[in-house]
Each structure stands twice: as structure tokens, then as C-alpha cells.
PDB file of N, CA and C in Angstrom:
ATOM      1  N   MET A   1     119.634 -42.193 -37.820  1.00  0.00           N
ATOM      2  CA  MET A   1     120.192 -42.952 -38.925  1.00  0.00           C
ATOM      3  C   MET A   1     121.375 -42.227 -39.535  1.00  0.00           C
ATOM      4  N   ARG A   2     121.259 -40.914 -39.617  1.00  0.00           N
ATOM      5  CA  ARG A   2     122.402 -40.140 -40.128  1.00  0.00           C
ATOM      6  C   ARG A   2     123.609 -40.290 -39.218  1.00  0.00           C
ATOM      7  N   GLU A   3     123.367 -40.266 -37.913  1.00  0.00           N
ATOM      8  CA  GLU A   3     124.459 -40.423 -36.955  1.00  0.00           C
ATOM      9  C   GLU A   3     125.145 -41.776 -37.110  1.00  0.00           C
ATOM     10  N   ALA A   4     124.407 -42.766 -37.621  1.00  0.00           N
ATOM     11  CA  ALA A   4     124.976 -44.097 -37.843  1.00  0.00           C
ATOM     12  C   ALA A   4     125.686 -44.186 -39.190  1.00  0.00           C
ATOM     13  N   GLY A   5     125.655 -43.090 -39.964  1.00  0.00           N
ATOM     14  CA  GLY A   5     126.370 -43.057 -41.235  1.00  0.00           C
ATOM     15  C   GLY A   5     125.516 -43.277 -42.462  1.00  0.00           C
ATOM     16  N   ALA A   6     124.211 -43.375 -42.287  1.00  0.00           N
ATOM     17  CA  ALA A   6     123.330 -43.590 -43.434  1.00  0.00           C
ATOM     18  C   ALA A   6     123.072 -42.280 -44.173  1.00  0.00           C
ATOM     19  N   ASN A   7     123.001 -42.358 -45.485  1.00  0.00           N
ATOM     20  CA  ASN A   7     122.630 -41.227 -46.314  1.00  0.00           C
ATOM     21  C   ASN A   7     121.110 -41.242 -46.406  1.00  0.00           C
ATOM     22  N   VAL A   8     120.463 -40.321 -45.717  1.00  0.00           N
ATOM     23  CA  VAL A   8     119.013 -40.341 -45.563  1.00  0.00           C
ATOM     24  C   VAL A   8     118.399 -39.096 -46.185  1.00  0.00           C
ATOM     25  N   GLU A   9     117.323 -39.312 -46.905  1.00  0.00           N
ATOM     26  CA  GLU A   9     116.535 -38.206 -47.465  1.00  0.00           C
ATOM     27  C   GLU A   9     115.121 -38.361 -46.937  1.00  0.00           C
ATOM     28  N   HIS A  10     114.633 -37.380 -46.233  1.00  0.00           N
ATOM     29  CA  HIS A  10     113.270 -37.427 -45.711  1.00  0.00           C
ATOM     30  C   HIS A  10     112.307 -37.046 -46.833  1.00  0.00           C
ATOM     31  N   ALA A  11     111.283 -37.876 -47.028  1.00  0.00           N
ATOM     32  CA  ALA A  11     110.321 -37.610 -48.102  1.00  0.00           C
ATOM     33  C   ALA A  11     109.711 -36.218 -47.974  1.00  0.00           C
ATOM     34  N   GLY A  12     109.545 -35.754 -46.743  1.00  0.00           N
ATOM     35  CA  GLY A  12     108.972 -34.432 -46.519  1.00  0.00           C
ATOM     36  C   GLY A  12     109.836 -33.301 -47.034  1.00  0.00           C
ATOM     37  N   SER A  13     111.136 -33.537 -47.182  1.00  0.00           N
ATOM     38  CA  SER A  13     112.005 -32.492 -47.727  1.00  0.00           C
ATOM     39  C   SER A  13     112.181 -32.653 -49.240  1.00  0.00           C
ATOM     40  N   ALA A  14     111.907 -33.829 -49.750  1.00  0.00           N
ATOM     41  CA  ALA A  14     112.058 -34.066 -51.190  1.00  0.00           C
ATOM     42  C   ALA A  14     110.761 -33.831 -51.954  1.00  0.00           C
ATOM     43  N   PHE A  15     109.633 -33.944 -51.264  1.00  0.00           N
ATOM     44  CA  PHE A  15     108.316 -33.795 -51.886  1.00  0.00           C
ATOM     45  C   PHE A  15     107.452 -32.911 -51.004  1.00  0.00           C
ATOM     46  N   ALA A  16     106.534 -32.188 -51.622  1.00  0.00           N
ATOM     47  CA  ALA A  16     105.608 -31.350 -50.854  1.00  0.00           C
ATOM     48  C   ALA A  16     104.797 -32.228 -49.902  1.00  0.00           C
ATOM     49  N   SER A  17     104.445 -31.679 -48.753  1.00  0.00           N
ATOM     50  CA  SER A  17     103.718 -32.457 -47.748  1.00  0.00           C
ATOM     51  C   SER A  17     102.357 -32.936 -48.257  1.00  0.00           C
ATOM     52  N   SER A  18     101.822 -32.277 -49.257  1.00  0.00           N
ATOM     53  CA  SER A  18     100.527 -32.674 -49.804  1.00  0.00           C
ATOM     54  C   SER A  18     100.636 -33.748 -50.894  1.00  0.00           C
ATOM     55  N   THR A  19     101.861 -34.167 -51.197  1.00  0.00           N
ATOM     56  CA  THR A  19     102.075 -35.159 -52.245  1.00  0.00           C
ATOM     57  C   THR A  19     101.457 -36.494 -51.835  1.00  0.00           C
ATOM     58  N   GLN A  20     100.671 -37.055 -52.732  1.00  0.00           N
ATOM     59  CA  GLN A  20     100.045 -38.339 -52.429  1.00  0.00           C
ATOM     60  C   GLN A  20     101.097 -39.441 -52.393  1.00  0.00           C
ATOM     61  N   ASP A  21     100.817 -40.467 -51.589  1.00  0.00           N
ATOM     62  CA  ASP A  21     101.791 -41.536 -51.375  1.00  0.00           C
ATOM     63  C   ASP A  21     102.254 -42.183 -52.676  1.00  0.00           C
ATOM     64  N   HIS A  22     101.336 -42.473 -53.567  1.00  0.00           N
ATOM     65  CA  HIS A  22     101.748 -43.162 -54.797  1.00  0.00           C
ATOM     66  C   HIS A  22     102.659 -42.286 -55.660  1.00  0.00           C
ATOM     67  N   VAL A  23     102.541 -40.979 -55.532  1.00  0.00           N
ATOM     68  CA  VAL A  23     103.384 -40.064 -56.307  1.00  0.00           C
ATOM     69  C   VAL A  23     104.798 -40.027 -55.740  1.00  0.00           C
ATOM     70  N   TRP A  24     104.924 -39.881 -54.411  1.00  0.00           N
ATOM     71  CA  TRP A  24     106.276 -39.842 -53.852  1.00  0.00           C
ATOM     72  C   TRP A  24     106.942 -41.211 -53.931  1.00  0.00           C
ATOM     73  N   LEU A  25     106.162 -42.283 -53.878  1.00  0.00           N
ATOM     74  CA  LEU A  25     106.749 -43.617 -54.067  1.00  0.00           C
ATOM     75  C   LEU A  25     107.322 -43.750 -55.475  1.00  0.00           C
ATOM     76  N   GLU A  26     106.611 -43.218 -56.459  1.00  0.00           N
ATOM     77  CA  GLU A  26     107.128 -43.203 -57.834  1.00  0.00           C
ATOM     78  C   GLU A  26     108.446 -42.437 -57.888  1.00  0.00           C
ATOM     79  N   GLY A  27     108.493 -41.279 -57.251  1.00  0.00           N
ATOM     80  CA  GLY A  27     109.720 -40.478 -57.229  1.00  0.00           C
ATOM     81  C   GLY A  27     110.872 -41.221 -56.573  1.00  0.00           C
ATOM     82  N   CYS A  28     110.590 -41.913 -55.493  1.00  0.00           N
ATOM     83  CA  CYS A  28     111.634 -42.697 -54.820  1.00  0.00           C
ATOM     84  C   CYS A  28     112.144 -43.808 -55.727  1.00  0.00           C
ATOM     85  N   GLY A  29     111.227 -44.445 -56.442  1.00  0.00           N
ATOM     86  CA  GLY A  29     111.632 -45.494 -57.378  1.00  0.00           C
ATOM     87  C   GLY A  29     112.515 -44.953 -58.482  1.00  0.00           C
ATOM     88  N   LYS A  30     112.153 -43.802 -59.017  1.00  0.00           N
ATOM     89  CA  LYS A  30     112.945 -43.191 -60.089  1.00  0.00           C
ATOM     90  C   LYS A  30     114.334 -42.797 -59.595  1.00  0.00           C
ATOM     91  N   GLN A  31     114.439 -42.407 -58.328  1.00  0.00           N
ATOM     92  CA  GLN A  31     115.732 -42.024 -57.747  1.00  0.00           C
ATOM     93  C   GLN A  31     116.542 -43.243 -57.305  1.00  0.00           C
ATOM     94  N   GLY A  32     115.889 -44.399 -57.238  1.00  0.00           N
ATOM     95  CA  GLY A  32     116.572 -45.600 -56.754  1.00  0.00           C
ATOM     96  C   GLY A  32     116.736 -45.607 -55.244  1.00  0.00           C
ATOM     97  N   TRP A  33     115.901 -44.849 -54.554  1.00  0.00           N
ATOM     98  CA  TRP A  33     115.989 -44.775 -53.105  1.00  0.00           C
ATOM     99  C   TRP A  33     115.326 -45.987 -52.459  1.00  0.00           C
ATOM    100  N   ILE A  34     115.836 -46.377 -51.316  1.00  0.00           N
ATOM    101  CA  ILE A  34     115.201 -47.387 -50.480  1.00  0.00           C
ATOM    102  C   ILE A  34     114.178 -46.656 -49.619  1.00  0.00           C
ATOM    103  N   VAL A  35     112.959 -47.142 -49.621  1.00  0.00           N
ATOM    104  CA  VAL A  35     111.897 -46.515 -48.840  1.00  0.00           C
ATOM    105  C   VAL A  35     111.803 -47.188 -47.480  1.00  0.00           C
ATOM    106  N   LEU A  36     111.784 -46.365 -46.458  1.00  0.00           N
ATOM    107  CA  LEU A  36     111.579 -46.833 -45.095  1.00  0.00           C
ATOM    108  C   LEU A  36     110.453 -46.004 -44.513  1.00  0.00           C
ATOM    109  N   ASN A  37     109.373 -46.661 -44.112  1.00  0.00           N
ATOM    110  CA  ASN A  37     108.248 -45.901 -43.577  1.00  0.00           C
ATOM    111  C   ASN A  37     107.587 -46.633 -42.423  1.00  0.00           C
ATOM    112  N   ARG A  38     106.566 -45.990 -41.870  1.00  0.00           N
ATOM    113  CA  ARG A  38     105.818 -46.568 -40.743  1.00  0.00           C
ATOM    114  C   ARG A  38     104.350 -46.722 -41.089  1.00  0.00           C
ATOM    115  N   ASP A  39     104.001 -46.693 -42.348  1.00  0.00           N
ATOM    116  CA  ASP A  39     102.606 -46.767 -42.779  1.00  0.00           C
ATOM    117  C   ASP A  39     102.186 -48.234 -42.905  1.00  0.00           C
ATOM    118  N   GLU A  40     101.627 -48.772 -41.830  1.00  0.00           N
ATOM    119  CA  GLU A  40     101.244 -50.183 -41.814  1.00  0.00           C
ATOM    120  C   GLU A  40     100.195 -50.527 -42.879  1.00  0.00           C
ATOM    121  N   ARG A  41      99.466 -49.545 -43.335  1.00  0.00           N
ATOM    122  CA  ARG A  41      98.383 -49.791 -44.293  1.00  0.00           C
ATOM    123  C   ARG A  41      98.855 -49.775 -45.746  1.00  0.00           C
ATOM    124  N   ILE A  42     100.111 -49.419 -46.001  1.00  0.00           N
ATOM    125  CA  ILE A  42     100.598 -49.294 -47.374  1.00  0.00           C
ATOM    126  C   ILE A  42     100.400 -50.591 -48.153  1.00  0.00           C
ATOM    127  N   ARG A  43     100.518 -51.713 -47.493  1.00  0.00           N
ATOM    128  CA  ARG A  43     100.414 -53.009 -48.174  1.00  0.00           C
ATOM    129  C   ARG A  43      99.002 -53.344 -48.616  1.00  0.00           C
ATOM    130  N   TYR A  44      98.028 -52.542 -48.189  1.00  0.00           N
ATOM    131  CA  TYR A  44      96.629 -52.782 -48.546  1.00  0.00           C
ATOM    132  C   TYR A  44      96.075 -51.776 -49.548  1.00  0.00           C
ATOM    133  N   ARG A  45      96.855 -50.791 -49.911  1.00  0.00           N
ATOM    134  CA  ARG A  45      96.356 -49.722 -50.793  1.00  0.00           C
ATOM    135  C   ARG A  45      96.795 -49.968 -52.235  1.00  0.00           C
ATOM    136  N   ARG A  46      95.810 -50.057 -53.100  1.00  0.00           N
ATOM    137  CA  ARG A  46      96.058 -50.411 -54.500  1.00  0.00           C
ATOM    138  C   ARG A  46      97.029 -49.444 -55.179  1.00  0.00           C
ATOM    139  N   LEU A  47      96.829 -48.147 -55.048  1.00  0.00           N
ATOM    140  CA  LEU A  47      97.690 -47.178 -55.733  1.00  0.00           C
ATOM    141  C   LEU A  47      99.134 -47.260 -55.240  1.00  0.00           C
ATOM    142  N   GLU A  48      99.310 -47.461 -53.942  1.00  0.00           N
ATOM    143  CA  GLU A  48     100.658 -47.560 -53.393  1.00  0.00           C
ATOM    144  C   GLU A  48     101.349 -48.842 -53.873  1.00  0.00           C
ATOM    145  N   ILE A  49     100.611 -49.948 -53.873  1.00  0.00           N
ATOM    146  CA  ILE A  49     101.167 -51.219 -54.355  1.00  0.00           C
ATOM    147  C   ILE A  49     101.549 -51.091 -55.826  1.00  0.00           C
ATOM    148  N   GLU A  50     100.687 -50.464 -56.618  1.00  0.00           N
ATOM    149  CA  GLU A  50     101.001 -50.262 -58.041  1.00  0.00           C
ATOM    150  C   GLU A  50     102.241 -49.394 -58.209  1.00  0.00           C
ATOM    151  N   ALA A  51     102.380 -48.357 -57.394  1.00  0.00           N
ATOM    152  CA  ALA A  51     103.561 -47.485 -57.483  1.00  0.00           C
ATOM    153  C   ALA A  51     104.823 -48.269 -57.122  1.00  0.00           C
ATOM    154  N   LEU A  52     104.754 -49.077 -56.078  1.00  0.00           N
ATOM    155  CA  LEU A  52     105.901 -49.903 -55.711  1.00  0.00           C
ATOM    156  C   LEU A  52     106.289 -50.807 -56.876  1.00  0.00           C
ATOM    157  N   ARG A  53     105.296 -51.495 -57.428  1.00  0.00           N
ATOM    158  CA  ARG A  53     105.525 -52.444 -58.531  1.00  0.00           C
ATOM    159  C   ARG A  53     106.000 -51.742 -59.789  1.00  0.00           C
ATOM    160  N   ASP A  54     105.287 -50.719 -60.196  1.00  0.00           N
ATOM    161  CA  ASP A  54     105.556 -50.071 -61.488  1.00  0.00           C
ATOM    162  C   ASP A  54     106.885 -49.328 -61.523  1.00  0.00           C
ATOM    163  N   HIS A  55     107.399 -48.941 -60.366  1.00  0.00           N
ATOM    164  CA  HIS A  55     108.614 -48.126 -60.330  1.00  0.00           C
ATOM    165  C   HIS A  55     109.784 -48.806 -59.620  1.00  0.00           C
ATOM    166  N   GLY A  56     109.658 -50.116 -59.425  1.00  0.00           N
ATOM    167  CA  GLY A  56     110.770 -50.912 -58.913  1.00  0.00           C
ATOM    168  C   GLY A  56     111.289 -50.478 -57.561  1.00  0.00           C
ATOM    169  N   VAL A  57     110.377 -50.202 -56.645  1.00  0.00           N
ATOM    170  CA  VAL A  57     110.763 -49.676 -55.341  1.00  0.00           C
ATOM    171  C   VAL A  57     111.153 -50.805 -54.383  1.00  0.00           C
ATOM    172  N   ALA A  58     112.230 -50.576 -53.648  1.00  0.00           N
ATOM    173  CA  ALA A  58     112.626 -51.436 -52.530  1.00  0.00           C
ATOM    174  C   ALA A  58     112.113 -50.746 -51.266  1.00  0.00           C
ATOM    175  N   ALA A  59     111.170 -51.385 -50.567  1.00  0.00           N
ATOM    176  CA  ALA A  59     110.525 -50.722 -49.435  1.00  0.00           C
ATOM    177  C   ALA A  59     110.502 -51.601 -48.187  1.00  0.00           C
ATOM    178  N   PHE A  60     110.667 -50.931 -47.057  1.00  0.00           N
ATOM    179  CA  PHE A  60     110.602 -51.570 -45.753  1.00  0.00           C
ATOM    180  C   PHE A  60     109.651 -50.755 -44.892  1.00  0.00           C
ATOM    181  N   CYS A  61     108.742 -51.436 -44.223  1.00  0.00           N
ATOM    182  CA  CYS A  61     107.737 -50.757 -43.416  1.00  0.00           C
ATOM    183  C   CYS A  61     107.812 -51.237 -41.971  1.00  0.00           C
ATOM    184  N   PHE A  62     108.062 -50.311 -41.064  1.00  0.00           N
ATOM    185  CA  PHE A  62     108.106 -50.621 -39.644  1.00  0.00           C
ATOM    186  C   PHE A  62     106.680 -50.726 -39.116  1.00  0.00           C
ATOM    187  N   THR A  63     106.358 -51.844 -38.517  1.00  0.00           N
ATOM    188  CA  THR A  63     105.014 -52.092 -37.999  1.00  0.00           C
ATOM    189  C   THR A  63     105.037 -52.331 -36.489  1.00  0.00           C
ATOM    190  N   GLY A  64     105.962 -51.697 -35.821  1.00  0.00           N
ATOM    191  CA  GLY A  64     106.171 -51.944 -34.392  1.00  0.00           C
ATOM    192  C   GLY A  64     105.233 -51.230 -33.459  1.00  0.00           C
ATOM    193  N   GLY A  65     104.235 -50.560 -33.980  1.00  0.00           N
ATOM    194  CA  GLY A  65     103.270 -49.902 -33.111  1.00  0.00           C
ATOM    195  C   GLY A  65     103.779 -48.601 -32.532  1.00  0.00           C
ATOM    196  N   ASN A  66     103.238 -48.274 -31.386  1.00  0.00           N
ATOM    197  CA  ASN A  66     103.556 -46.998 -30.736  1.00  0.00           C
ATOM    198  C   ASN A  66     104.864 -47.102 -29.961  1.00  0.00           C
ATOM    199  N   VAL A  67     105.923 -46.673 -30.604  1.00  0.00           N
ATOM    200  CA  VAL A  67     107.229 -46.595 -29.946  1.00  0.00           C
ATOM    201  C   VAL A  67     107.778 -45.199 -30.196  1.00  0.00           C
ATOM    202  N   THR A  68     108.646 -44.782 -29.345  1.00  0.00           N
ATOM    203  CA  THR A  68     109.233 -43.451 -29.484  1.00  0.00           C
ATOM    204  C   THR A  68     110.204 -43.427 -30.664  1.00  0.00           C
ATOM    205  N   ALA A  69     110.600 -42.234 -31.046  1.00  0.00           N
ATOM    206  CA  ALA A  69     111.581 -42.087 -32.128  1.00  0.00           C
ATOM    207  C   ALA A  69     112.900 -42.759 -31.740  1.00  0.00           C
ATOM    208  N   ASP A  70     113.309 -42.616 -30.490  1.00  0.00           N
ATOM    209  CA  ASP A  70     114.554 -43.250 -30.037  1.00  0.00           C
ATOM    210  C   ASP A  70     114.452 -44.771 -30.081  1.00  0.00           C
ATOM    211  N   GLU A  71     113.309 -45.305 -29.655  1.00  0.00           N
ATOM    212  CA  GLU A  71     113.108 -46.757 -29.706  1.00  0.00           C
ATOM    213  C   GLU A  71     113.098 -47.259 -31.145  1.00  0.00           C
ATOM    214  N   THR A  72     112.470 -46.488 -32.014  1.00  0.00           N
ATOM    215  CA  THR A  72     112.440 -46.853 -33.429  1.00  0.00           C
ATOM    216  C   THR A  72     113.858 -46.867 -33.992  1.00  0.00           C
ATOM    217  N   ALA A  73     114.638 -45.857 -33.676  1.00  0.00           N
ATOM    218  CA  ALA A  73     116.025 -45.792 -34.145  1.00  0.00           C
ATOM    219  C   ALA A  73     116.829 -46.976 -33.624  1.00  0.00           C
ATOM    220  N   ASP A  74     116.604 -47.366 -32.378  1.00  0.00           N
ATOM    221  CA  ASP A  74     117.318 -48.511 -31.809  1.00  0.00           C
ATOM    222  C   ASP A  74     117.024 -49.795 -32.578  1.00  0.00           C
ATOM    223  N   ILE A  75     115.835 -49.886 -33.143  1.00  0.00           N
ATOM    224  CA  ILE A  75     115.464 -51.061 -33.926  1.00  0.00           C
ATOM    225  C   ILE A  75     116.004 -50.957 -35.347  1.00  0.00           C
ATOM    226  N   ILE A  76     115.906 -49.775 -35.949  1.00  0.00           N
ATOM    227  CA  ILE A  76     116.232 -49.613 -37.364  1.00  0.00           C
ATOM    228  C   ILE A  76     117.730 -49.513 -37.637  1.00  0.00           C
ATOM    229  N   VAL A  77     118.449 -48.773 -36.837  1.00  0.00           N
ATOM    230  CA  VAL A  77     119.872 -48.531 -37.131  1.00  0.00           C
ATOM    231  C   VAL A  77     120.656 -49.827 -37.349  1.00  0.00           C
ATOM    232  N   PRO A  78     120.492 -50.852 -36.507  1.00  0.00           N
ATOM    233  CA  PRO A  78     121.243 -52.088 -36.769  1.00  0.00           C
ATOM    234  C   PRO A  78     120.822 -52.801 -38.059  1.00  0.00           C
ATOM    235  N   LEU A  79     119.678 -52.434 -38.610  1.00  0.00           N
ATOM    236  CA  LEU A  79     119.173 -53.074 -39.826  1.00  0.00           C
ATOM    237  C   LEU A  79     119.586 -52.366 -41.111  1.00  0.00           C
ATOM    238  N   ILE A  80     120.145 -51.168 -41.010  1.00  0.00           N
ATOM    239  CA  ILE A  80     120.412 -50.366 -42.206  1.00  0.00           C
ATOM    240  C   ILE A  80     121.249 -51.127 -43.219  1.00  0.00           C
ATOM    241  N   GLN A  81     122.354 -51.696 -42.806  1.00  0.00           N
ATOM    242  CA  GLN A  81     123.216 -52.406 -43.761  1.00  0.00           C
ATOM    243  C   GLN A  81     122.495 -53.610 -44.361  1.00  0.00           C
ATOM    244  N   LYS A  82     121.713 -54.288 -43.556  1.00  0.00           N
ATOM    245  CA  LYS A  82     120.935 -55.428 -44.065  1.00  0.00           C
ATOM    246  C   LYS A  82     119.960 -54.954 -45.142  1.00  0.00           C
ATOM    247  N   PHE A  83     119.289 -53.832 -44.911  1.00  0.00           N
ATOM    248  CA  PHE A  83     118.345 -53.299 -45.894  1.00  0.00           C
ATOM    249  C   PHE A  83     119.066 -52.910 -47.182  1.00  0.00           C
ATOM    250  N   VAL A  84     120.217 -52.299 -47.051  1.00  0.00           N
ATOM    251  CA  VAL A  84     121.004 -51.934 -48.240  1.00  0.00           C
ATOM    252  C   VAL A  84     121.392 -53.193 -49.004  1.00  0.00           C
ATOM    253  N   ASN A  85     121.887 -54.196 -48.299  1.00  0.00           N
ATOM    254  CA  ASN A  85     122.280 -55.443 -48.951  1.00  0.00           C
ATOM    255  C   ASN A  85     121.093 -56.106 -49.650  1.00  0.00           C
ATOM    256  N   MET A  86     119.938 -56.099 -48.992  1.00  0.00           N
ATOM    257  CA  MET A  86     118.743 -56.686 -49.602  1.00  0.00           C
ATOM    258  C   MET A  86     118.339 -55.917 -50.849  1.00  0.00           C
ATOM    259  N   SER A  87     118.472 -54.596 -50.806  1.00  0.00           N
ATOM    260  CA  SER A  87     118.072 -53.792 -51.970  1.00  0.00           C
ATOM    261  C   SER A  87     119.003 -54.019 -53.155  1.00  0.00           C
ATOM    262  N   ILE A  88     120.220 -54.471 -52.880  1.00  0.00           N
ATOM    263  CA  ILE A  88     121.173 -54.780 -53.948  1.00  0.00           C
ATOM    264  C   ILE A  88     120.961 -56.199 -54.467  1.00  0.00           C
ATOM    265  N   SER A  89     120.747 -57.140 -53.553  1.00  0.00           N
ATOM    266  CA  SER A  89     120.727 -58.555 -53.942  1.00  0.00           C
ATOM    267  C   SER A  89     119.363 -59.076 -54.385  1.00  0.00           C
ATOM    268  N   GLU A  90     118.299 -58.440 -53.967  1.00  0.00           N
ATOM    269  CA  GLU A  90     116.968 -58.951 -54.287  1.00  0.00           C
ATOM    270  C   GLU A  90     116.359 -58.181 -55.449  1.00  0.00           C
ATOM    271  N   PRO A  91     115.614 -58.899 -56.277  1.00  0.00           N
ATOM    272  CA  PRO A  91     114.943 -58.206 -57.378  1.00  0.00           C
ATOM    273  C   PRO A  91     113.865 -57.259 -56.850  1.00  0.00           C
ATOM    274  N   LYS A  92     113.802 -56.107 -57.461  1.00  0.00           N
ATOM    275  CA  LYS A  92     112.800 -55.113 -57.097  1.00  0.00           C
ATOM    276  C   LYS A  92     111.651 -55.212 -58.097  1.00  0.00           C
ATOM    277  N   PRO A  93     110.483 -54.910 -57.697  1.00  0.00           N
ATOM    278  CA  PRO A  93     110.095 -54.268 -56.449  1.00  0.00           C
ATOM    279  C   PRO A  93     109.948 -55.286 -55.325  1.00  0.00           C
ATOM    280  N   PHE A  94     110.012 -54.766 -54.104  1.00  0.00           N
ATOM    281  CA  PHE A  94     109.657 -55.583 -52.953  1.00  0.00           C
ATOM    282  C   PHE A  94     109.224 -54.697 -51.803  1.00  0.00           C
ATOM    283  N   LEU A  95     108.481 -55.332 -50.903  1.00  0.00           N
ATOM    284  CA  LEU A  95     108.036 -54.683 -49.679  1.00  0.00           C
ATOM    285  C   LEU A  95     108.208 -55.690 -48.550  1.00  0.00           C
ATOM    286  N   TYR A  96     108.901 -55.267 -47.515  1.00  0.00           N
ATOM    287  CA  TYR A  96     109.046 -56.067 -46.303  1.00  0.00           C
ATOM    288  C   TYR A  96     108.481 -55.267 -45.143  1.00  0.00           C
ATOM    289  N   THR A  97     107.801 -55.950 -44.250  1.00  0.00           N
ATOM    290  CA  THR A  97     107.420 -55.330 -42.992  1.00  0.00           C
ATOM    291  C   THR A  97     108.349 -55.875 -41.914  1.00  0.00           C
ATOM    292  N   PHE A  98     108.521 -55.098 -40.871  1.00  0.00           N
ATOM    293  CA  PHE A  98     109.302 -55.565 -39.726  1.00  0.00           C
ATOM    294  C   PHE A  98     108.812 -54.824 -38.496  1.00  0.00           C
ATOM    295  N   GLY A  99     108.878 -55.508 -37.384  1.00  0.00           N
ATOM    296  CA  GLY A  99     108.423 -54.926 -36.129  1.00  0.00           C
ATOM    297  C   GLY A  99     109.546 -54.869 -35.123  1.00  0.00           C
ATOM    298  N   ARG A 100     109.175 -54.952 -33.888  1.00  0.00           N
ATOM    299  CA  ARG A 100     110.155 -54.860 -32.802  1.00  0.00           C
ATOM    300  C   ARG A 100     111.154 -56.011 -32.831  1.00  0.00           C
ATOM    301  N   SER A 101     110.746 -57.145 -33.422  1.00  0.00           N
ATOM    302  CA  SER A 101     111.659 -58.293 -33.514  1.00  0.00           C
ATOM    303  C   SER A 101     112.774 -58.044 -34.524  1.00  0.00           C
ATOM    304  N   ALA A 102     112.595 -57.035 -35.389  1.00  0.00           N
ATOM    305  CA  ALA A 102     113.557 -56.653 -36.430  1.00  0.00           C
ATOM    306  C   ALA A 102     113.704 -57.725 -37.504  1.00  0.00           C
ATOM    307  N   ARG A 103     112.767 -58.649 -37.602  1.00  0.00           N
ATOM    308  CA  ARG A 103     112.811 -59.689 -38.625  1.00  0.00           C
ATOM    309  C   ARG A 103     111.968 -59.244 -39.826  1.00  0.00           C
ATOM    310  N   PRO A 104     112.598 -59.002 -40.975  1.00  0.00           N
ATOM    311  CA  PRO A 104     111.842 -58.595 -42.169  1.00  0.00           C
ATOM    312  C   PRO A 104     110.945 -59.730 -42.669  1.00  0.00           C
ATOM    313  N   ASN A 105     109.707 -59.378 -42.969  1.00  0.00           N
ATOM    314  CA  ASN A 105     108.732 -60.322 -43.498  1.00  0.00           C
ATOM    315  C   ASN A 105     108.265 -59.847 -44.862  1.00  0.00           C
ATOM    316  N   PRO A 106     108.421 -60.670 -45.909  1.00  0.00           N
ATOM    317  CA  PRO A 106     108.034 -60.232 -47.242  1.00  0.00           C
ATOM    318  C   PRO A 106     106.516 -60.082 -47.376  1.00  0.00           C
ATOM    319  N   VAL A 107     106.126 -59.087 -48.143  1.00  0.00           N
ATOM    320  CA  VAL A 107     104.720 -58.864 -48.467  1.00  0.00           C
ATOM    321  C   VAL A 107     104.571 -59.082 -49.965  1.00  0.00           C
ATOM    322  N   LYS A 108     103.632 -59.916 -50.345  1.00  0.00           N
ATOM    323  CA  LYS A 108     103.404 -60.160 -51.758  1.00  0.00           C
ATOM    324  C   LYS A 108     102.739 -58.932 -52.386  1.00  0.00           C
ATOM    325  N   LEU A 109     103.357 -58.431 -53.443  1.00  0.00           N
ATOM    326  CA  LEU A 109     102.807 -57.263 -54.150  1.00  0.00           C
ATOM    327  C   LEU A 109     101.915 -57.795 -55.269  1.00  0.00           C
ATOM    328  N   ARG A 110     100.657 -57.939 -54.996  1.00  0.00           N
ATOM    329  CA  ARG A 110      99.721 -58.519 -55.962  1.00  0.00           C
ATOM    330  C   ARG A 110      99.291 -57.553 -57.003  1.00  0.00           C
TER     331      ARG A 110
END
């Protein structure tokens, strides 16, 4: 993603590896960062959903299964500008999942 020109911050370098998901999601929201992850279960976890909602997070979750890092990059890199545009034009918070088809699907944050 960096090679494609994206300004990327890895959560592992911004937060301790032991940081719970809802805590780093809060930090991302406070920074105004767009979250991109591969945690398919995030949409089912109450604390994570609350962190997304309470801190106005724009999040995208790759649900493409077992693919290599290169395959994942091939799917994500063409979507970067679309994700940025969505994070500007759509009200936050939001969570979209996307798979190999690269079609973002909204997840209701209940």
C-alpha cells in the first residue's frame, strides 16, 4: 500500500501488541484514521462495535479468506482511493466488509 502512495500506519507500531481491539479502535477514531483489517469477527463483537460507533471510526474489513499478502495487496491497492473517498463522503461511523470481489458491503453497527 505504501508503494502505491498510501500513507499507512500499522496498528502494531502505533499501539502495543497486547492492546485490546476496542482500545486501538478508539485510538484510530481519535486520530481520524481509516481502519483496514482482516478480522472477520469484528462485526460480531460488542466492545469493538461500540468502539467503532462511539469514536466515529471508518472501517473496512477484508473477508477474503486465506490469501497471501501479495494477493491481498492486489485486491486492496485498487480500492485505496475508493476507501478514502468513502471516508470523506459518508457519515461515520461505518464498517464495510469486502472480499475477493472487492465490492464493499455495509455492516449495520447495532
